[in-house]
Amino acid sequence: MRIDQFGQQIFSEQEICDLYYKNPDLRITSILIDSQLENTLDLDMFPTCATYQNKDCTVEEFDKEKQNIWLIPQEYKNMDIAKWVLDQCKDEAELQRAGQELLLYQERELFPLLQYLKYLVDTMRTHNIVWGVGRGSSVASFVLFLIGIHKINSLYYDLPIEEFLK
């Protein structure tokens, strides 16, 4: 398997066969086949695989294109995530910290990610799925704490947001 500049995994014929041997029920709708193999493979054998096409765009353009096709309910896509986050704050210090972080998220055009994370957390809670308490630099984000991604209050522990958004 090789990985392109966008982080996509491209598989050879042998690698796809190995995947099937390990898991015959594997859903392969997102597996990309190396375009060099297109003429050598029996594509009827792999009908749901997509042929990899090299993209002529930047990583940022690629990411933005993929964000537009995330499977997320419309109510979350339309959600004013900044307002929701600020509504969760209990005092002026929390409002200041959340506001500071939201400006940084907005500068990086990460509001769609925050909307998706809110949807993900709500879905996990609805289905009683357990997730971690928080790891690494993500615990420096008070906004992620408010959304429920982790359980570490970065404001309480005085963790600077710059540790997360480097």
N, C-alpha and C. Protein backbone atom coordinates (compact mmCIF):
# COMPACT_ATOMS: atom_id res chain seq x y z
N MET A 1 0.85 -1.16 0.00
CA MET A 1 0.00 0.00 0.00
C MET A 1 0.90 1.23 0.00
N ARG A 2 0.46 2.21 -0.76
CA ARG A 2 1.18 3.49 -0.71
C ARG A 2 0.19 4.57 -0.31
N ILE A 3 0.73 5.66 0.18
CA ILE A 3 -0.10 6.78 0.64
C ILE A 3 0.30 8.00 -0.16
N ASP A 4 -0.70 8.68 -0.74
CA ASP A 4 -0.40 9.87 -1.54
C ASP A 4 -0.26 11.09 -0.64
N GLN A 5 -0.05 12.24 -1.24
CA GLN A 5 0.19 13.46 -0.49
C GLN A 5 -1.02 13.92 0.30
N PHE A 6 -2.21 13.35 0.02
CA PHE A 6 -3.42 13.72 0.73
C PHE A 6 -3.75 12.74 1.85
N GLY A 7 -2.93 11.71 2.02
CA GLY A 7 -3.17 10.72 3.06
C GLY A 7 -4.07 9.58 2.62
N GLN A 8 -4.40 9.51 1.33
CA GLN A 8 -5.24 8.42 0.82
C GLN A 8 -4.40 7.16 0.65
N GLN A 9 -4.97 6.02 0.99
CA GLN A 9 -4.29 4.74 0.83
C GLN A 9 -4.66 4.15 -0.52
N ILE A 10 -3.63 3.78 -1.29
CA ILE A 10 -3.85 3.18 -2.60
C ILE A 10 -3.31 1.75 -2.53
N PHE A 11 -4.16 0.78 -2.92
CA PHE A 11 -3.82 -0.63 -2.76
C PHE A 11 -3.51 -1.29 -4.09
N SER A 12 -2.63 -2.28 -4.02
CA SER A 12 -2.34 -3.13 -5.18
C SER A 12 -3.32 -4.30 -5.18
N GLU A 13 -3.32 -5.04 -6.29
CA GLU A 13 -4.20 -6.21 -6.40
C GLU A 13 -3.92 -7.21 -5.27
N GLN A 14 -2.66 -7.49 -5.02
CA GLN A 14 -2.29 -8.45 -3.98
C GLN A 14 -2.75 -7.98 -2.60
N GLU A 15 -2.61 -6.69 -2.35
CA GLU A 15 -3.02 -6.16 -1.05
C GLU A 15 -4.53 -6.26 -0.85
N ILE A 16 -5.29 -6.05 -1.92
CA ILE A 16 -6.75 -6.19 -1.83
C ILE A 16 -7.12 -7.64 -1.56
N CYS A 17 -6.46 -8.55 -2.24
CA CYS A 17 -6.70 -9.99 -2.00
C CYS A 17 -6.37 -10.36 -0.56
N ASP A 18 -5.25 -9.84 -0.06
CA ASP A 18 -4.87 -10.11 1.33
C ASP A 18 -5.92 -9.59 2.30
N LEU A 19 -6.47 -8.41 2.01
CA LEU A 19 -7.52 -7.85 2.86
C LEU A 19 -8.74 -8.77 2.87
N TYR A 20 -9.11 -9.31 1.69
CA TYR A 20 -10.25 -10.22 1.62
C TYR A 20 -10.00 -11.51 2.37
N TYR A 21 -8.78 -12.04 2.28
CA TYR A 21 -8.46 -13.27 3.01
C TYR A 21 -8.61 -13.06 4.51
N LYS A 22 -8.19 -11.90 4.98
CA LYS A 22 -8.27 -11.61 6.41
C LYS A 22 -9.70 -11.35 6.86
N ASN A 23 -10.50 -10.74 5.98
CA ASN A 23 -11.87 -10.40 6.34
C ASN A 23 -12.77 -10.50 5.11
N PRO A 24 -13.37 -11.67 4.88
CA PRO A 24 -14.21 -11.86 3.69
C PRO A 24 -15.44 -10.95 3.63
N ASP A 25 -15.86 -10.41 4.75
CA ASP A 25 -17.02 -9.53 4.79
C ASP A 25 -16.64 -8.06 4.65
N LEU A 26 -15.41 -7.80 4.32
CA LEU A 26 -14.90 -6.43 4.22
C LEU A 26 -15.70 -5.61 3.22
N ARG A 27 -16.12 -4.41 3.64
CA ARG A 27 -16.78 -3.47 2.73
C ARG A 27 -15.69 -2.64 2.09
N ILE A 28 -15.61 -2.68 0.79
CA ILE A 28 -14.48 -2.05 0.12
C ILE A 28 -14.87 -0.82 -0.68
N THR A 29 -15.96 -0.16 -0.29
CA THR A 29 -16.43 0.98 -1.06
C THR A 29 -15.44 2.14 -1.07
N SER A 30 -14.57 2.20 -0.07
CA SER A 30 -13.64 3.33 -0.03
C SER A 30 -12.21 2.92 -0.41
N ILE A 31 -12.02 1.69 -0.84
CA ILE A 31 -10.68 1.25 -1.23
C ILE A 31 -10.35 1.79 -2.61
N LEU A 32 -9.18 2.38 -2.71
CA LEU A 32 -8.72 2.91 -3.99
C LEU A 32 -7.71 1.94 -4.61
N ILE A 33 -7.95 1.61 -5.88
CA ILE A 33 -7.04 0.72 -6.61
C ILE A 33 -6.07 1.58 -7.40
N ASP A 34 -4.82 1.18 -7.37
CA ASP A 34 -3.80 1.89 -8.13
C ASP A 34 -4.20 1.92 -9.60
N SER A 35 -4.23 3.10 -10.20
CA SER A 35 -4.69 3.25 -11.59
C SER A 35 -3.82 2.48 -12.57
N GLN A 36 -2.58 2.19 -12.19
CA GLN A 36 -1.71 1.40 -13.07
C GLN A 36 -2.20 -0.04 -13.19
N LEU A 37 -3.02 -0.47 -12.23
CA LEU A 37 -3.53 -1.84 -12.25
C LEU A 37 -4.87 -1.95 -12.98
N GLU A 38 -5.43 -0.81 -13.35
CA GLU A 38 -6.77 -0.79 -13.93
C GLU A 38 -6.89 -1.76 -15.11
N ASN A 39 -5.90 -1.84 -15.95
CA ASN A 39 -5.98 -2.70 -17.13
C ASN A 39 -5.60 -4.14 -16.83
N THR A 40 -4.98 -4.40 -15.69
CA THR A 40 -4.56 -5.77 -15.38
C THR A 40 -5.53 -6.47 -14.44
N LEU A 41 -6.37 -5.73 -13.76
CA LEU A 41 -7.31 -6.33 -12.83
C LEU A 41 -8.61 -6.71 -13.51
N ASP A 42 -9.22 -7.74 -13.02
CA ASP A 42 -10.58 -8.07 -13.42
C ASP A 42 -11.49 -7.21 -12.54
N LEU A 43 -11.88 -6.03 -13.04
CA LEU A 43 -12.64 -5.09 -12.21
C LEU A 43 -14.01 -5.63 -11.83
N ASP A 44 -14.49 -6.68 -12.53
CA ASP A 44 -15.74 -7.30 -12.10
C ASP A 44 -15.56 -7.97 -10.74
N MET A 45 -14.31 -8.38 -10.46
CA MET A 45 -14.01 -9.02 -9.19
C MET A 45 -14.04 -7.99 -8.05
N PHE A 46 -13.72 -6.74 -8.37
CA PHE A 46 -13.70 -5.67 -7.38
C PHE A 46 -14.65 -4.56 -7.82
N PRO A 47 -15.95 -4.82 -7.93
CA PRO A 47 -16.86 -3.85 -8.54
C PRO A 47 -17.04 -2.56 -7.74
N THR A 48 -16.81 -2.60 -6.45
CA THR A 48 -17.06 -1.39 -5.66
C THR A 48 -15.80 -0.60 -5.36
N CYS A 49 -14.67 -1.05 -5.88
CA CYS A 49 -13.44 -0.30 -5.68
C CYS A 49 -13.40 0.88 -6.65
N ALA A 50 -12.80 1.94 -6.20
CA ALA A 50 -12.63 3.12 -7.06
C ALA A 50 -11.20 3.14 -7.57
N THR A 51 -11.03 3.55 -8.80
CA THR A 51 -9.69 3.68 -9.36
C THR A 51 -9.09 4.99 -8.89
N TYR A 52 -7.88 4.91 -8.40
CA TYR A 52 -7.20 6.09 -7.90
C TYR A 52 -6.85 7.02 -9.05
N GLN A 53 -7.18 8.27 -8.89
CA GLN A 53 -6.80 9.29 -9.87
C GLN A 53 -5.98 10.34 -9.14
N ASN A 54 -4.81 10.61 -9.64
CA ASN A 54 -3.96 11.63 -9.04
C ASN A 54 -4.64 12.99 -9.19
N LYS A 55 -4.74 13.73 -8.11
CA LYS A 55 -5.42 15.03 -8.13
C LYS A 55 -4.40 16.14 -8.32
N ASP A 56 -4.80 17.12 -9.08
CA ASP A 56 -3.95 18.29 -9.32
C ASP A 56 -4.49 19.45 -8.49
N CYS A 57 -4.26 19.36 -7.17
CA CYS A 57 -4.71 20.42 -6.27
C CYS A 57 -3.84 20.41 -5.03
N THR A 58 -3.99 21.42 -4.20
CA THR A 58 -3.23 21.47 -2.97
C THR A 58 -3.91 20.60 -1.91
N VAL A 59 -3.20 20.31 -0.85
CA VAL A 59 -3.77 19.54 0.24
C VAL A 59 -4.96 20.30 0.84
N GLU A 60 -4.84 21.61 0.97
CA GLU A 60 -5.93 22.42 1.51
C GLU A 60 -7.17 22.32 0.64
N GLU A 61 -7.00 22.40 -0.69
CA GLU A 61 -8.15 22.27 -1.60
C GLU A 61 -8.77 20.88 -1.51
N PHE A 62 -7.93 19.87 -1.40
CA PHE A 62 -8.41 18.49 -1.27
C PHE A 62 -9.23 18.34 0.01
N ASP A 63 -8.71 18.88 1.13
CA ASP A 63 -9.43 18.78 2.40
C ASP A 63 -10.78 19.47 2.33
N LYS A 64 -10.82 20.64 1.73
CA LYS A 64 -12.08 21.41 1.62
C LYS A 64 -13.09 20.63 0.77
N GLU A 65 -12.61 20.02 -0.32
CA GLU A 65 -13.49 19.21 -1.17
C GLU A 65 -14.08 18.05 -0.38
N LYS A 66 -13.28 17.38 0.43
CA LYS A 66 -13.76 16.24 1.20
C LYS A 66 -14.70 16.67 2.32
N GLN A 67 -14.46 17.85 2.90
CA GLN A 67 -15.36 18.35 3.95
C GLN A 67 -16.77 18.55 3.42
N ASN A 68 -16.88 18.89 2.14
CA ASN A 68 -18.19 19.15 1.55
C ASN A 68 -19.02 17.88 1.38
N ILE A 69 -18.41 16.70 1.51
CA ILE A 69 -19.17 15.46 1.32
C ILE A 69 -19.23 14.63 2.60
N TRP A 70 -18.89 15.22 3.75
CA TRP A 70 -19.04 14.50 5.02
C TRP A 70 -20.48 14.12 5.20
N LEU A 71 -20.70 12.93 5.73
CA LEU A 71 -22.06 12.48 6.02
C LEU A 71 -22.43 12.99 7.41
N ILE A 72 -23.11 14.10 7.42
CA ILE A 72 -23.51 14.74 8.67
C ILE A 72 -24.90 15.32 8.44
N PRO A 73 -25.80 15.12 9.41
CA PRO A 73 -27.16 15.65 9.23
C PRO A 73 -27.16 17.16 9.01
N GLN A 74 -28.13 17.62 8.26
CA GLN A 74 -28.23 19.03 7.90
C GLN A 74 -28.32 19.94 9.13
N GLU A 75 -28.98 19.46 10.18
CA GLU A 75 -29.10 20.29 11.38
C GLU A 75 -27.74 20.63 11.99
N TYR A 76 -26.78 19.73 11.84
CA TYR A 76 -25.42 20.01 12.35
C TYR A 76 -24.66 20.89 11.37
N LYS A 77 -24.87 20.68 10.07
CA LYS A 77 -24.22 21.54 9.08
C LYS A 77 -24.67 22.99 9.23
N ASN A 78 -25.93 23.19 9.60
CA ASN A 78 -26.49 24.53 9.74
C ASN A 78 -26.30 25.11 11.14
N MET A 79 -25.81 24.29 12.05
CA MET A 79 -25.69 24.72 13.45
C MET A 79 -24.71 25.89 13.59
N ASP A 80 -25.09 26.87 14.38
CA ASP A 80 -24.17 27.96 14.73
C ASP A 80 -23.32 27.44 15.89
N ILE A 81 -22.23 26.78 15.54
CA ILE A 81 -21.41 26.11 16.54
C ILE A 81 -20.79 27.10 17.51
N ALA A 82 -20.45 28.29 17.04
CA ALA A 82 -19.87 29.29 17.94
C ALA A 82 -20.88 29.69 19.02
N LYS A 83 -22.12 29.93 18.62
CA LYS A 83 -23.16 30.29 19.59
C LYS A 83 -23.38 29.14 20.56
N TRP A 84 -23.44 27.92 20.05
CA TRP A 84 -23.65 26.77 20.91
C TRP A 84 -22.53 26.67 21.95
N VAL A 85 -21.29 26.82 21.51
CA VAL A 85 -20.15 26.73 22.44
C VAL A 85 -20.24 27.83 23.49
N LEU A 86 -20.49 29.05 23.06
CA LEU A 86 -20.56 30.17 24.01
C LEU A 86 -21.71 30.00 25.00
N ASP A 87 -22.80 29.40 24.55
CA ASP A 87 -23.94 29.14 25.45
C ASP A 87 -23.60 28.13 26.54
N GLN A 88 -22.57 27.32 26.34
CA GLN A 88 -22.17 26.32 27.33
C GLN A 88 -21.34 26.92 28.46
N CYS A 89 -20.83 28.13 28.25
CA CYS A 89 -19.94 28.76 29.22
C CYS A 89 -20.72 29.23 30.45
N LYS A 90 -20.09 29.06 31.63
CA LYS A 90 -20.76 29.36 32.89
C LYS A 90 -20.36 30.69 33.50
N ASP A 91 -19.22 31.24 33.08
CA ASP A 91 -18.78 32.52 33.65
C ASP A 91 -17.96 33.30 32.63
N GLU A 92 -17.51 34.48 33.02
CA GLU A 92 -16.77 35.36 32.12
C GLU A 92 -15.45 34.75 31.68
N ALA A 93 -14.75 34.07 32.57
CA ALA A 93 -13.46 33.46 32.21
C ALA A 93 -13.65 32.39 31.12
N GLU A 94 -14.69 31.59 31.27
CA GLU A 94 -14.99 30.57 30.25
C GLU A 94 -15.37 31.23 28.93
N LEU A 95 -16.16 32.29 28.99
CA LEU A 95 -16.54 33.01 27.77
C LEU A 95 -15.32 33.57 27.05
N GLN A 96 -14.40 34.15 27.82
CA GLN A 96 -13.19 34.72 27.22
C GLN A 96 -12.34 33.64 26.56
N ARG A 97 -12.15 32.53 27.25
CA ARG A 97 -11.32 31.45 26.70
C ARG A 97 -11.97 30.83 25.47
N ALA A 98 -13.27 30.55 25.55
CA ALA A 98 -13.98 29.96 24.41
C ALA A 98 -13.96 30.92 23.23
N GLY A 99 -14.17 32.21 23.49
CA GLY A 99 -14.13 33.19 22.42
C GLY A 99 -12.77 33.26 21.74
N GLN A 100 -11.71 33.24 22.55
CA GLN A 100 -10.34 33.26 22.01
C GLN A 100 -10.10 32.03 21.12
N GLU A 101 -10.51 30.88 21.60
CA GLU A 101 -10.31 29.66 20.82
C GLU A 101 -11.15 29.66 19.56
N LEU A 102 -12.39 30.10 19.66
CA LEU A 102 -13.26 30.12 18.48
C LEU A 102 -12.68 31.00 17.38
N LEU A 103 -12.06 32.11 17.75
CA LEU A 103 -11.41 32.96 16.75
C LEU A 103 -10.29 32.19 16.04
N LEU A 104 -9.53 31.40 16.81
CA LEU A 104 -8.45 30.62 16.21
C LEU A 104 -9.00 29.52 15.29
N TYR A 105 -10.09 28.88 15.73
CA TYR A 105 -10.73 27.87 14.88
C TYR A 105 -11.28 28.51 13.60
N GLN A 106 -11.88 29.69 13.75
CA GLN A 106 -12.45 30.38 12.58
C GLN A 106 -11.36 30.78 11.59
N GLU A 107 -10.22 31.29 12.09
CA GLU A 107 -9.09 31.65 11.22
C GLU A 107 -8.63 30.47 10.38
N ARG A 108 -8.71 29.30 10.95
CA ARG A 108 -8.25 28.07 10.27
C ARG A 108 -9.38 27.38 9.52
N GLU A 109 -10.55 28.02 9.47
CA GLU A 109 -11.73 27.48 8.79
C GLU A 109 -12.10 26.09 9.31
N LEU A 110 -12.09 25.94 10.64
CA LEU A 110 -12.35 24.65 11.26
C LEU A 110 -13.75 24.52 11.86
N PHE A 111 -14.63 25.48 11.61
CA PHE A 111 -15.98 25.37 12.14
C PHE A 111 -16.70 24.11 11.62
N PRO A 112 -16.54 23.72 10.34
CA PRO A 112 -17.18 22.47 9.91
C PRO A 112 -16.68 21.25 10.71
N LEU A 113 -15.41 21.27 11.10
CA LEU A 113 -14.88 20.19 11.92
C LEU A 113 -15.55 20.20 13.29
N LEU A 114 -15.71 21.37 13.89
CA LEU A 114 -16.37 21.45 15.20
C LEU A 114 -17.81 20.98 15.10
N GLN A 115 -18.51 21.33 14.01
CA GLN A 115 -19.88 20.86 13.81
C GLN A 115 -19.90 19.34 13.71
N TYR A 116 -18.95 18.77 12.99
CA TYR A 116 -18.89 17.32 12.86
C TYR A 116 -18.60 16.66 14.21
N LEU A 117 -17.67 17.24 14.97
CA LEU A 117 -17.33 16.67 16.27
C LEU A 117 -18.53 16.71 17.22
N LYS A 118 -19.31 17.77 17.15
CA LYS A 118 -20.53 17.86 17.97
C LYS A 118 -21.49 16.74 17.58
N TYR A 119 -21.65 16.53 16.28
CA TYR A 119 -22.49 15.43 15.79
C TYR A 119 -21.96 14.07 16.27
N LEU A 120 -20.65 13.89 16.17
CA LEU A 120 -20.03 12.63 16.58
C LEU A 120 -20.27 12.36 18.06
N VAL A 121 -20.04 13.35 18.91
CA VAL A 121 -20.25 13.18 20.35
C VAL A 121 -21.72 12.89 20.65
N ASP A 122 -22.63 13.63 20.03
CA ASP A 122 -24.06 13.39 20.25
C ASP A 122 -24.44 11.97 19.83
N THR A 123 -23.90 11.52 18.71
CA THR A 123 -24.19 10.16 18.22
C THR A 123 -23.65 9.11 19.18
N MET A 124 -22.43 9.32 19.67
CA MET A 124 -21.86 8.35 20.62
C MET A 124 -22.66 8.32 21.91
N ARG A 125 -23.09 9.48 22.39
CA ARG A 125 -23.90 9.52 23.61
C ARG A 125 -25.24 8.81 23.40
N THR A 126 -25.88 9.06 22.26
CA THR A 126 -27.17 8.44 21.95
C THR A 126 -27.07 6.92 21.95
N HIS A 127 -25.96 6.39 21.46
CA HIS A 127 -25.80 4.94 21.32
C HIS A 127 -24.95 4.33 22.44
N ASN A 128 -24.73 5.11 23.51
CA ASN A 128 -23.96 4.62 24.67
C ASN A 128 -22.59 4.08 24.29
N ILE A 129 -21.92 4.77 23.38
CA ILE A 129 -20.57 4.37 22.97
C ILE A 129 -19.58 5.11 23.85
N VAL A 130 -18.65 4.38 24.43
CA VAL A 130 -17.66 4.96 25.32
C VAL A 130 -16.47 5.43 24.49
N TRP A 131 -15.96 6.63 24.81
CA TRP A 131 -14.75 7.13 24.16
C TRP A 131 -13.82 7.63 25.25
N GLY A 132 -12.59 7.91 24.89
CA GLY A 132 -11.55 8.25 25.85
C GLY A 132 -11.79 9.56 26.59
N VAL A 133 -11.02 9.74 27.65
CA VAL A 133 -11.13 10.96 28.46
C VAL A 133 -10.32 12.10 27.87
N GLY A 134 -9.43 11.82 26.95
CA GLY A 134 -8.62 12.87 26.32
C GLY A 134 -7.15 12.50 26.33
N ARG A 135 -6.50 12.82 25.22
CA ARG A 135 -5.08 12.51 25.10
C ARG A 135 -4.38 13.62 24.34
N GLY A 136 -3.11 13.74 24.59
CA GLY A 136 -2.27 14.60 23.79
C GLY A 136 -2.69 16.06 23.83
N SER A 137 -2.36 16.75 22.77
CA SER A 137 -2.56 18.19 22.73
C SER A 137 -4.03 18.60 22.63
N SER A 138 -4.92 17.68 22.27
CA SER A 138 -6.34 18.06 22.16
C SER A 138 -6.90 18.54 23.49
N VAL A 139 -6.33 18.08 24.61
CA VAL A 139 -6.86 18.50 25.92
C VAL A 139 -6.56 19.96 26.21
N ALA A 140 -5.75 20.63 25.40
CA ALA A 140 -5.49 22.05 25.57
C ALA A 140 -6.64 22.90 25.03
N SER A 141 -7.60 22.29 24.35
CA SER A 141 -8.72 23.04 23.77
C SER A 141 -9.93 23.00 24.71
N PHE A 142 -10.29 24.17 25.21
CA PHE A 142 -11.48 24.30 26.05
C PHE A 142 -12.74 24.07 25.22
N VAL A 143 -12.73 24.47 23.96
CA VAL A 143 -13.87 24.26 23.07
C VAL A 143 -14.15 22.77 22.90
N LEU A 144 -13.10 21.98 22.71
CA LEU A 144 -13.30 20.53 22.57
C LEU A 144 -13.82 19.93 23.88
N PHE A 145 -13.40 20.48 25.01
CA PHE A 145 -13.94 20.06 26.31
C PHE A 145 -15.44 20.35 26.38
N LEU A 146 -15.84 21.55 25.95
CA LEU A 146 -17.26 21.90 25.99
C LEU A 146 -18.09 21.02 25.07
N ILE A 147 -17.54 20.68 23.91
CA ILE A 147 -18.26 19.81 22.96
C ILE A 147 -18.36 18.39 23.52
N GLY A 148 -17.38 17.98 24.31
CA GLY A 148 -17.41 16.65 24.91
C GLY A 148 -16.40 15.68 24.33
N ILE A 149 -15.48 16.18 23.53
CA ILE A 149 -14.46 15.31 22.94
C ILE A 149 -13.57 14.71 24.03
N HIS A 150 -13.27 15.49 25.04
CA HIS A 150 -12.47 15.00 26.17
C HIS A 150 -13.02 15.57 27.47
N LYS A 151 -12.50 15.09 28.58
CA LYS A 151 -13.01 15.48 29.89
C LYS A 151 -12.01 16.31 30.69
N ILE A 152 -11.04 16.91 30.01
CA ILE A 152 -10.01 17.71 30.69
C ILE A 152 -10.34 19.18 30.49
N ASN A 153 -10.63 19.86 31.59
CA ASN A 153 -10.94 21.29 31.53
C ASN A 153 -9.63 22.07 31.43
N SER A 154 -9.27 22.47 30.23
CA SER A 154 -7.99 23.14 30.00
C SER A 154 -7.92 24.50 30.68
N LEU A 155 -9.05 25.12 30.92
CA LEU A 155 -9.08 26.39 31.64
C LEU A 155 -8.68 26.18 33.11
N TYR A 156 -9.21 25.14 33.70
CA TYR A 156 -8.90 24.81 35.09
C TYR A 156 -7.41 24.51 35.26
N TYR A 157 -6.84 23.78 34.31
CA TYR A 157 -5.43 23.39 34.39
C TYR A 157 -4.49 24.39 33.72
N ASP A 158 -5.05 25.50 33.23
CA ASP A 158 -4.27 26.57 32.61
C ASP A 158 -3.41 26.05 31.44
N LEU A 159 -4.04 25.24 30.59
CA LEU A 159 -3.35 24.71 29.41
C LEU A 159 -3.54 25.67 28.26
N PRO A 160 -2.46 26.16 27.65
CA PRO A 160 -2.60 27.13 26.55
C PRO A 160 -3.11 26.48 25.27
N ILE A 161 -4.03 27.13 24.59
CA ILE A 161 -4.60 26.63 23.34
C ILE A 161 -3.52 26.43 22.28
N GLU A 162 -2.47 27.20 22.36
CA GLU A 162 -1.38 27.09 21.36
C GLU A 162 -0.77 25.70 21.33
N GLU A 163 -0.90 24.94 22.43
CA GLU A 163 -0.39 23.57 22.45
C GLU A 163 -1.17 22.68 21.48
N PHE A 164 -2.43 23.02 21.25
CA PHE A 164 -3.26 22.21 20.36
C PHE A 164 -3.16 22.72 18.91
N LEU A 165 -3.29 24.01 18.72
CA LEU A 165 -3.36 24.57 17.37
C LEU A 165 -1.99 25.06 16.88
N LYS A 166 -1.02 24.22 17.00
CA LYS A 166 0.33 24.59 16.53
C LYS A 166 0.40 24.59 15.02
